[in-house]
Amino acid sequence: MTKEQEIMDFLYEKVFGPILNSKEAPLSIKNGVNLTIGRMNEFSAKKMIRYFWSALATDNAIKFSKKLKAENLPRFEDVFEEFRDRFNDEWLKK
């Protein structure tokens, strides 16, 4: 398995999948998740990690995160500690 696939598998399990499989999640949120997936699929593992961290801090990301929270859906913020511990510089060098 590639490092990129490992990151995407983690995010599908923890964030993307639960949102995309939710019957209650609004279509606008599902579309936003699909855009994020599309962007991330174009990146190397190192860039995926950078994207994850930038997605916690940009104005658009913060607004989207608030929408997810209002709908009680998983967010990057909910998994950032596990992501940080798992996908770090040491892991990239393996």
PDB file of N, CA and C in Angstrom:
ATOM      1  N   MET A   1       0.851  -1.174   0.000  1.00  0.00           N
ATOM      2  CA  MET A   1       0.000   0.000   0.000  1.00  0.00           C
ATOM      3  C   MET A   1       0.900   1.241   0.000  1.00  0.00           C
ATOM      4  N   THR A   2       0.532   2.210  -0.791  1.00  0.00           N
ATOM      5  CA  THR A   2       1.306   3.451  -0.832  1.00  0.00           C
ATOM      6  C   THR A   2       0.995   4.298   0.400  1.00  0.00           C
ATOM      7  N   LYS A   3       1.865   5.228   0.677  1.00  0.00           N
ATOM      8  CA  LYS A   3       1.633   6.156   1.787  1.00  0.00           C
ATOM      9  C   LYS A   3       0.387   6.997   1.531  1.00  0.00           C
ATOM     10  N   GLU A   4       0.194   7.396   0.273  1.00  0.00           N
ATOM     11  CA  GLU A   4      -0.989   8.168  -0.088  1.00  0.00           C
ATOM     12  C   GLU A   4      -2.266   7.381   0.206  1.00  0.00           C
ATOM     13  N   GLN A   5      -2.258   6.103  -0.142  1.00  0.00           N
ATOM     14  CA  GLN A   5      -3.438   5.264   0.098  1.00  0.00           C
ATOM     15  C   GLN A   5      -3.668   5.062   1.595  1.00  0.00           C
ATOM     16  N   GLU A   6      -2.583   4.949   2.349  1.00  0.00           N
ATOM     17  CA  GLU A   6      -2.714   4.781   3.793  1.00  0.00           C
ATOM     18  C   GLU A   6      -3.379   6.009   4.426  1.00  0.00           C
ATOM     19  N   ILE A   7      -2.974   7.189   3.985  1.00  0.00           N
ATOM     20  CA  ILE A   7      -3.590   8.424   4.490  1.00  0.00           C
ATOM     21  C   ILE A   7      -5.064   8.467   4.099  1.00  0.00           C
ATOM     22  N   MET A   8      -5.353   8.185   2.838  1.00  0.00           N
ATOM     23  CA  MET A   8      -6.743   8.248   2.380  1.00  0.00           C
ATOM     24  C   MET A   8      -7.602   7.196   3.072  1.00  0.00           C
ATOM     25  N   ASP A   9      -7.074   6.006   3.291  1.00  0.00           N
ATOM     26  CA  ASP A   9      -7.831   4.970   4.012  1.00  0.00           C
ATOM     27  C   ASP A   9      -8.182   5.449   5.423  1.00  0.00           C
ATOM     28  N   PHE A  10      -7.216   6.062   6.083  1.00  0.00           N
ATOM     29  CA  PHE A  10      -7.454   6.600   7.427  1.00  0.00           C
ATOM     30  C   PHE A  10      -8.563   7.649   7.387  1.00  0.00           C
ATOM     31  N   LEU A  11      -8.452   8.595   6.460  1.00  0.00           N
ATOM     32  CA  LEU A  11      -9.439   9.673   6.391  1.00  0.00           C
ATOM     33  C   LEU A  11     -10.812   9.164   5.964  1.00  0.00           C
ATOM     34  N   TYR A  12     -10.857   8.157   5.076  1.00  0.00           N
ATOM     35  CA  TYR A  12     -12.151   7.564   4.722  1.00  0.00           C
ATOM     36  C   TYR A  12     -12.803   6.905   5.931  1.00  0.00           C
ATOM     37  N   GLU A  13     -11.998   6.197   6.696  1.00  0.00           N
ATOM     38  CA  GLU A  13     -12.545   5.507   7.861  1.00  0.00           C
ATOM     39  C   GLU A  13     -13.055   6.492   8.919  1.00  0.00           C
ATOM     40  N   LYS A  14     -12.284   7.523   9.168  1.00  0.00           N
ATOM     41  CA  LYS A  14     -12.567   8.425  10.283  1.00  0.00           C
ATOM     42  C   LYS A  14     -13.461   9.612   9.934  1.00  0.00           C
ATOM     43  N   VAL A  15     -13.347  10.126   8.705  1.00  0.00           N
ATOM     44  CA  VAL A  15     -14.036  11.371   8.370  1.00  0.00           C
ATOM     45  C   VAL A  15     -14.877  11.232   7.101  1.00  0.00           C
ATOM     46  N   PHE A  16     -14.238  10.946   5.983  1.00  0.00           N
ATOM     47  CA  PHE A  16     -14.940  10.981   4.704  1.00  0.00           C
ATOM     48  C   PHE A  16     -16.082   9.978   4.615  1.00  0.00           C
ATOM     49  N   GLY A  17     -15.807   8.734   4.944  1.00  0.00           N
ATOM     50  CA  GLY A  17     -16.819   7.688   4.841  1.00  0.00           C
ATOM     51  C   GLY A  17     -18.065   7.965   5.656  1.00  0.00           C
ATOM     52  N   PRO A  18     -17.905   8.271   6.945  1.00  0.00           N
ATOM     53  CA  PRO A  18     -19.100   8.557   7.747  1.00  0.00           C
ATOM     54  C   PRO A  18     -19.945   9.706   7.192  1.00  0.00           C
ATOM     55  N   ILE A  19     -19.301  10.696   6.604  1.00  0.00           N
ATOM     56  CA  ILE A  19     -20.057  11.807   6.023  1.00  0.00           C
ATOM     57  C   ILE A  19     -20.744  11.360   4.737  1.00  0.00           C
ATOM     58  N   LEU A  20     -19.987  10.739   3.841  1.00  0.00           N
ATOM     59  CA  LEU A  20     -20.546  10.344   2.551  1.00  0.00           C
ATOM     60  C   LEU A  20     -21.623   9.274   2.687  1.00  0.00           C
ATOM     61  N   ASN A  21     -21.538   8.461   3.725  1.00  0.00           N
ATOM     62  CA  ASN A  21     -22.529   7.396   3.939  1.00  0.00           C
ATOM     63  C   ASN A  21     -23.717   7.841   4.783  1.00  0.00           C
ATOM     64  N   SER A  22     -23.656   9.057   5.298  1.00  0.00           N
ATOM     65  CA  SER A  22     -24.730   9.563   6.146  1.00  0.00           C
ATOM     66  C   SER A  22     -25.957   9.929   5.318  1.00  0.00           C
ATOM     67  N   LYS A  23     -27.101   9.480   5.774  1.00  0.00           N
ATOM     68  CA  LYS A  23     -28.358   9.845   5.108  1.00  0.00           C
ATOM     69  C   LYS A  23     -28.775  11.256   5.497  1.00  0.00           C
ATOM     70  N   GLU A  24     -28.251  11.743   6.605  1.00  0.00           N
ATOM     71  CA  GLU A  24     -28.636  13.068   7.092  1.00  0.00           C
ATOM     72  C   GLU A  24     -27.727  14.189   6.583  1.00  0.00           C
ATOM     73  N   ALA A  25     -26.525  13.865   6.136  1.00  0.00           N
ATOM     74  CA  ALA A  25     -25.580  14.903   5.703  1.00  0.00           C
ATOM     75  C   ALA A  25     -26.111  15.611   4.460  1.00  0.00           C
ATOM     76  N   PRO A  26     -26.157  16.941   4.496  1.00  0.00           N
ATOM     77  CA  PRO A  26     -26.628  17.693   3.331  1.00  0.00           C
ATOM     78  C   PRO A  26     -25.735  17.466   2.109  1.00  0.00           C
ATOM     79  N   LEU A  27     -26.332  17.556   0.944  1.00  0.00           N
ATOM     80  CA  LEU A  27     -25.599  17.374  -0.306  1.00  0.00           C
ATOM     81  C   LEU A  27     -24.447  18.364  -0.422  1.00  0.00           C
ATOM     82  N   SER A  28     -24.633  19.583   0.057  1.00  0.00           N
ATOM     83  CA  SER A  28     -23.561  20.585  -0.025  1.00  0.00           C
ATOM     84  C   SER A  28     -22.327  20.139   0.752  1.00  0.00           C
ATOM     85  N   ILE A  29     -22.533  19.483   1.878  1.00  0.00           N
ATOM     86  CA  ILE A  29     -21.407  18.972   2.663  1.00  0.00           C
ATOM     87  C   ILE A  29     -20.758  17.798   1.940  1.00  0.00           C
ATOM     88  N   LYS A  30     -21.568  16.894   1.407  1.00  0.00           N
ATOM     89  CA  LYS A  30     -21.006  15.759   0.670  1.00  0.00           C
ATOM     90  C   LYS A  30     -20.214  16.244  -0.536  1.00  0.00           C
ATOM     91  N   ASN A  31     -20.701  17.268  -1.213  1.00  0.00           N
ATOM     92  CA  ASN A  31     -19.962  17.833  -2.347  1.00  0.00           C
ATOM     93  C   ASN A  31     -18.630  18.419  -1.892  1.00  0.00           C
ATOM     94  N   GLY A  32     -18.625  19.094  -0.755  1.00  0.00           N
ATOM     95  CA  GLY A  32     -17.384  19.643  -0.210  1.00  0.00           C
ATOM     96  C   GLY A  32     -16.382  18.553   0.127  1.00  0.00           C
ATOM     97  N   VAL A  33     -16.861  17.462   0.688  1.00  0.00           N
ATOM     98  CA  VAL A  33     -15.990  16.324   1.008  1.00  0.00           C
ATOM     99  C   VAL A  33     -15.426  15.728  -0.270  1.00  0.00           C
ATOM    100  N   ASN A  34     -16.263  15.568  -1.285  1.00  0.00           N
ATOM    101  CA  ASN A  34     -15.774  15.023  -2.559  1.00  0.00           C
ATOM    102  C   ASN A  34     -14.734  15.932  -3.200  1.00  0.00           C
ATOM    103  N   LEU A  35     -14.883  17.236  -3.066  1.00  0.00           N
ATOM    104  CA  LEU A  35     -13.864  18.171  -3.571  1.00  0.00           C
ATOM    105  C   LEU A  35     -12.552  17.982  -2.815  1.00  0.00           C
ATOM    106  N   THR A  36     -12.642  17.831  -1.517  1.00  0.00           N
ATOM    107  CA  THR A  36     -11.441  17.606  -0.706  1.00  0.00           C
ATOM    108  C   THR A  36     -10.757  16.311  -1.119  1.00  0.00           C
ATOM    109  N   ILE A  37     -11.524  15.260  -1.302  1.00  0.00           N
ATOM    110  CA  ILE A  37     -10.967  13.973  -1.731  1.00  0.00           C
ATOM    111  C   ILE A  37     -10.274  14.128  -3.077  1.00  0.00           C
ATOM    112  N   GLY A  38     -10.927  14.807  -4.010  1.00  0.00           N
ATOM    113  CA  GLY A  38     -10.343  15.013  -5.328  1.00  0.00           C
ATOM    114  C   GLY A  38      -9.027  15.755  -5.263  1.00  0.00           C
ATOM    115  N   ARG A  39      -8.978  16.788  -4.454  1.00  0.00           N
ATOM    116  CA  ARG A  39      -7.729  17.548  -4.290  1.00  0.00           C
ATOM    117  C   ARG A  39      -6.643  16.673  -3.691  1.00  0.00           C
ATOM    118  N   MET A  40      -6.983  15.983  -2.617  1.00  0.00           N
ATOM    119  CA  MET A  40      -5.976  15.181  -1.927  1.00  0.00           C
ATOM    120  C   MET A  40      -5.443  14.050  -2.795  1.00  0.00           C
ATOM    121  N   ASN A  41      -6.282  13.511  -3.661  1.00  0.00           N
ATOM    122  CA  ASN A  41      -5.836  12.422  -4.542  1.00  0.00           C
ATOM    123  C   ASN A  41      -4.787  12.872  -5.550  1.00  0.00           C
ATOM    124  N   GLU A  42      -4.630  14.164  -5.724  1.00  0.00           N
ATOM    125  CA  GLU A  42      -3.619  14.695  -6.651  1.00  0.00           C
ATOM    126  C   GLU A  42      -2.262  14.898  -5.979  1.00  0.00           C
ATOM    127  N   PHE A  43      -2.203  14.735  -4.660  1.00  0.00           N
ATOM    128  CA  PHE A  43      -1.007  15.076  -3.898  1.00  0.00           C
ATOM    129  C   PHE A  43      -0.157  13.872  -3.541  1.00  0.00           C
ATOM    130  N   SER A  44       1.120  14.172  -3.275  1.00  0.00           N
ATOM    131  CA  SER A  44       2.008  13.189  -2.651  1.00  0.00           C
ATOM    132  C   SER A  44       1.607  13.083  -1.182  1.00  0.00           C
ATOM    133  N   ALA A  45       2.113  12.070  -0.509  1.00  0.00           N
ATOM    134  CA  ALA A  45       1.804  11.900   0.915  1.00  0.00           C
ATOM    135  C   ALA A  45       2.222  13.142   1.706  1.00  0.00           C
ATOM    136  N   LYS A  46       3.390  13.678   1.417  1.00  0.00           N
ATOM    137  CA  LYS A  46       3.862  14.860   2.129  1.00  0.00           C
ATOM    138  C   LYS A  46       2.910  16.041   1.933  1.00  0.00           C
ATOM    139  N   LYS A  47       2.433  16.223   0.713  1.00  0.00           N
ATOM    140  CA  LYS A  47       1.502  17.320   0.435  1.00  0.00           C
ATOM    141  C   LYS A  47       0.127  17.049   1.036  1.00  0.00           C
ATOM    142  N   MET A  48      -0.268  15.782   1.106  1.00  0.00           N
ATOM    143  CA  MET A  48      -1.534  15.442   1.766  1.00  0.00           C
ATOM    144  C   MET A  48      -1.497  15.857   3.232  1.00  0.00           C
ATOM    145  N   ILE A  49      -0.374  15.600   3.868  1.00  0.00           N
ATOM    146  CA  ILE A  49      -0.228  15.964   5.274  1.00  0.00           C
ATOM    147  C   ILE A  49      -0.288  17.482   5.431  1.00  0.00           C
ATOM    148  N   ARG A  50       0.412  18.199   4.568  1.00  0.00           N
ATOM    149  CA  ARG A  50       0.348  19.670   4.612  1.00  0.00           C
ATOM    150  C   ARG A  50      -1.076  20.164   4.393  1.00  0.00           C
ATOM    151  N   TYR A  51      -1.765  19.553   3.443  1.00  0.00           N
ATOM    152  CA  TYR A  51      -3.145  19.945   3.152  1.00  0.00           C
ATOM    153  C   TYR A  51      -4.037  19.725   4.371  1.00  0.00           C
ATOM    154  N   PHE A  52      -3.870  18.581   5.025  1.00  0.00           N
ATOM    155  CA  PHE A  52      -4.647  18.287   6.229  1.00  0.00           C
ATOM    156  C   PHE A  52      -4.484  19.413   7.241  1.00  0.00           C
ATOM    157  N   TRP A  53      -3.234  19.813   7.507  1.00  0.00           N
ATOM    158  CA  TRP A  53      -2.991  20.849   8.514  1.00  0.00           C
ATOM    159  C   TRP A  53      -3.500  22.206   8.059  1.00  0.00           C
ATOM    160  N   SER A  54      -3.378  22.508   6.777  1.00  0.00           N
ATOM    161  CA  SER A  54      -3.895  23.797   6.308  1.00  0.00           C
ATOM    162  C   SER A  54      -5.416  23.810   6.353  1.00  0.00           C
ATOM    163  N   ALA A  55      -6.022  22.644   6.225  1.00  0.00           N
ATOM    164  CA  ALA A  55      -7.485  22.549   6.259  1.00  0.00           C
ATOM    165  C   ALA A  55      -8.051  22.802   7.655  1.00  0.00           C
ATOM    166  N   LEU A  56      -7.200  22.944   8.635  1.00  0.00           N
ATOM    167  CA  LEU A  56      -7.658  23.286   9.977  1.00  0.00           C
ATOM    168  C   LEU A  56      -7.652  24.788  10.214  1.00  0.00           C
ATOM    169  N   ALA A  57      -6.971  25.536   9.334  1.00  0.00           N
ATOM    170  CA  ALA A  57      -6.709  26.933   9.665  1.00  0.00           C
ATOM    171  C   ALA A  57      -7.224  27.970   8.669  1.00  0.00           C
ATOM    172  N   THR A  58      -7.525  27.583   7.440  1.00  0.00           N
ATOM    173  CA  THR A  58      -7.970  28.586   6.476  1.00  0.00           C
ATOM    174  C   THR A  58      -9.401  29.022   6.782  1.00  0.00           C
ATOM    175  N   ASP A  59      -9.755  30.204   6.329  1.00  0.00           N
ATOM    176  CA  ASP A  59     -11.107  30.719   6.575  1.00  0.00           C
ATOM    177  C   ASP A  59     -12.182  29.785   6.026  1.00  0.00           C
ATOM    178  N   ASN A  60     -11.992  29.314   4.790  1.00  0.00           N
ATOM    179  CA  ASN A  60     -12.978  28.402   4.190  1.00  0.00           C
ATOM    180  C   ASN A  60     -13.082  27.105   4.981  1.00  0.00           C
ATOM    181  N   ALA A  61     -11.933  26.598   5.407  1.00  0.00           N
ATOM    182  CA  ALA A  61     -11.929  25.348   6.170  1.00  0.00           C
ATOM    183  C   ALA A  61     -12.645  25.514   7.510  1.00  0.00           C
ATOM    184  N   ILE A  62     -12.445  26.645   8.147  1.00  0.00           N
ATOM    185  CA  ILE A  62     -13.092  26.896   9.432  1.00  0.00           C
ATOM    186  C   ILE A  62     -14.606  26.979   9.252  1.00  0.00           C
ATOM    187  N   LYS A  63     -15.048  27.652   8.200  1.00  0.00           N
ATOM    188  CA  LYS A  63     -16.488  27.740   7.923  1.00  0.00           C
ATOM    189  C   LYS A  63     -17.072  26.355   7.655  1.00  0.00           C
ATOM    190  N   PHE A  64     -16.356  25.557   6.852  1.00  0.00           N
ATOM    191  CA  PHE A  64     -16.832  24.212   6.524  1.00  0.00           C
ATOM    192  C   PHE A  64     -16.872  23.346   7.786  1.00  0.00           C
ATOM    193  N   SER A  65     -15.865  23.483   8.624  1.00  0.00           N
ATOM    194  CA  SER A  65     -15.817  22.728   9.871  1.00  0.00           C
ATOM    195  C   SER A  65     -17.006  23.070  10.763  1.00  0.00           C
ATOM    196  N   LYS A  66     -17.382  24.327  10.793  1.00  0.00           N
ATOM    197  CA  LYS A  66     -18.544  24.733  11.590  1.00  0.00           C
ATOM    198  C   LYS A  66     -19.826  24.117  11.056  1.00  0.00           C
ATOM    199  N   LYS A  67     -19.934  23.988   9.725  1.00  0.00           N
ATOM    200  CA  LYS A  67     -21.100  23.325   9.132  1.00  0.00           C
ATOM    201  C   LYS A  67     -21.134  21.853   9.548  1.00  0.00           C
ATOM    202  N   LEU A  68     -19.972  21.204   9.491  1.00  0.00           N
ATOM    203  CA  LEU A  68     -19.903  19.802   9.894  1.00  0.00           C
ATOM    204  C   LEU A  68     -20.299  19.636  11.361  1.00  0.00           C
ATOM    205  N   LYS A  69     -19.788  20.515  12.198  1.00  0.00           N
ATOM    206  CA  LYS A  69     -20.095  20.439  13.624  1.00  0.00           C
ATOM    207  C   LYS A  69     -21.588  20.638  13.870  1.00  0.00           C
ATOM    208  N   ALA A  70     -22.186  21.590  13.164  1.00  0.00           N
ATOM    209  CA  ALA A  70     -23.622  21.852  13.315  1.00  0.00           C
ATOM    210  C   ALA A  70     -24.460  20.643  12.928  1.00  0.00           C
ATOM    211  N   GLU A  71     -23.950  19.846  11.988  1.00  0.00           N
ATOM    212  CA  GLU A  71     -24.649  18.635  11.539  1.00  0.00           C
ATOM    213  C   GLU A  71     -24.218  17.399  12.336  1.00  0.00           C
ATOM    214  N   ASN A  72     -23.339  17.608  13.331  1.00  0.00           N
ATOM    215  CA  ASN A  72     -22.824  16.515  14.146  1.00  0.00           C
ATOM    216  C   ASN A  72     -22.103  15.458  13.308  1.00  0.00           C
ATOM    217  N   LEU A  73     -21.304  15.936  12.356  1.00  0.00           N
ATOM    218  CA  LEU A  73     -20.539  15.062  11.481  1.00  0.00           C
ATOM    219  C   LEU A  73     -19.061  15.134  11.849  1.00  0.00           C
ATOM    220  N   PRO A  74     -18.284  14.087  11.541  1.00  0.00           N
ATOM    221  CA  PRO A  74     -16.860  14.088  11.894  1.00  0.00           C
ATOM    222  C   PRO A  74     -16.084  15.147  11.105  1.00  0.00           C
ATOM    223  N   ARG A  75     -15.040  15.669  11.749  1.00  0.00           N
ATOM    224  CA  ARG A  75     -14.217  16.716  11.160  1.00  0.00           C
ATOM    225  C   ARG A  75     -12.743  16.356  11.316  1.00  0.00           C
ATOM    226  N   PHE A  76     -11.892  17.025  10.537  1.00  0.00           N
ATOM    227  CA  PHE A  76     -10.450  16.835  10.698  1.00  0.00           C
ATOM    228  C   PHE A  76     -10.031  17.125  12.139  1.00  0.00           C
ATOM    229  N   GLU A  77     -10.676  18.109  12.761  1.00  0.00           N
ATOM    230  CA  GLU A  77     -10.346  18.457  14.142  1.00  0.00           C
ATOM    231  C   GLU A  77     -10.551  17.282  15.089  1.00  0.00           C
ATOM    232  N   ASP A  78     -11.483  16.418  14.763  1.00  0.00           N
ATOM    233  CA  ASP A  78     -11.782  15.272  15.625  1.00  0.00           C
ATOM    234  C   ASP A  78     -10.698  14.204  15.584  1.00  0.00           C
ATOM    235  N   VAL A  79      -9.891  14.205  14.552  1.00  0.00           N
ATOM    236  CA  VAL A  79      -8.882  13.157  14.389  1.00  0.00           C
ATOM    237  C   VAL A  79      -7.465  13.697  14.321  1.00  0.00           C
ATOM    238  N   PHE A  80      -7.288  14.998  14.579  1.00  0.00           N
ATOM    239  CA  PHE A  80      -5.966  15.577  14.351  1.00  0.00           C
ATOM    240  C   PHE A  80      -4.883  14.977  15.231  1.00  0.00           C
ATOM    241  N   GLU A  81      -5.197  14.603  16.465  1.00  0.00           N
ATOM    242  CA  GLU A  81      -4.159  14.022  17.321  1.00  0.00           C
ATOM    243  C   GLU A  81      -3.710  12.658  16.795  1.00  0.00           C
ATOM    244  N   GLU A  82      -4.666  11.844  16.419  1.00  0.00           N
ATOM    245  CA  GLU A  82      -4.322  10.531  15.866  1.00  0.00           C
ATOM    246  C   GLU A  82      -3.581  10.694  14.544  1.00  0.00           C
ATOM    247  N   PHE A  83      -4.030  11.631  13.716  1.00  0.00           N
ATOM    248  CA  PHE A  83      -3.367  11.901  12.440  1.00  0.00           C
ATOM    249  C   PHE A  83      -1.925  12.349  12.687  1.00  0.00           C
ATOM    250  N   ARG A  84      -1.735  13.281  13.605  1.00  0.00           N
ATOM    251  CA  ARG A  84      -0.402  13.807  13.928  1.00  0.00           C
ATOM    252  C   ARG A  84       0.519  12.697  14.412  1.00  0.00           C
ATOM    253  N   ASP A  85       0.015  11.837  15.282  1.00  0.00           N
ATOM    254  CA  ASP A  85       0.837  10.763  15.829  1.00  0.00           C
ATOM    255  C   ASP A  85       1.190   9.713  14.777  1.00  0.00           C
ATOM    256  N   ARG A  86       0.317   9.512  13.844  1.00  0.00           N
ATOM    257  CA  ARG A  86       0.523   8.459  12.846  1.00  0.00           C
ATOM    258  C   ARG A  86       1.278   8.938  11.613  1.00  0.00           C
ATOM    259  N   PHE A  87       0.913  10.109  11.089  1.00  0.00           N
ATOM    260  CA  PHE A  87       1.464  10.589   9.824  1.00  0.00           C
ATOM    261  C   PHE A  87       2.421  11.755  10.082  1.00  0.00           C
ATOM    262  N   ASN A  88       3.600  11.411  10.531  1.00  0.00           N
ATOM    263  CA  ASN A  88       4.602  12.410  10.884  1.00  0.00           C
ATOM    264  C   ASN A  88       5.846  12.248  10.015  1.00  0.00           C
ATOM    265  N   ASP A  89       6.876  13.033  10.298  1.00  0.00           N
ATOM    266  CA  ASP A  89       8.103  12.985   9.495  1.00  0.00           C
ATOM    267  C   ASP A  89       8.756  11.607   9.526  1.00  0.00           C
ATOM    268  N   GLU A  90       8.740  10.977  10.680  1.00  0.00           N
ATOM    269  CA  GLU A  90       9.326   9.647  10.803  1.00  0.00           C
ATOM    270  C   GLU A  90       8.608   8.651   9.877  1.00  0.00           C
ATOM    271  N   TRP A  91       7.291   8.717   9.867  1.00  0.00           N
ATOM    272  CA  TRP A  91       6.488   7.840   9.012  1.00  0.00           C
ATOM    273  C   TRP A  91       6.795   8.110   7.529  1.00  0.00           C
ATOM    274  N   LEU A  92       6.941   9.368   7.175  1.00  0.00           N
ATOM    275  CA  LEU A  92       7.243   9.708   5.772  1.00  0.00           C
ATOM    276  C   LEU A  92       8.582   9.128   5.329  1.00  0.00           C
ATOM    277  N   LYS A  93       9.537   9.033   6.236  1.00  0.00           N
ATOM    278  CA  LYS A  93      10.884   8.555   5.898  1.00  0.00           C
ATOM    279  C   LYS A  93      10.970   7.038   5.759  1.00  0.00           C
ATOM    280  N   LYS A  94       9.956   6.317   6.254  1.00  0.00           N
ATOM    281  CA  LYS A  94       9.967   4.838   6.208  1.00  0.00           C
ATOM    282  C   LYS A  94       9.895   4.352   4.783  1.00  0.00           C
TER     283      LYS A  94
END
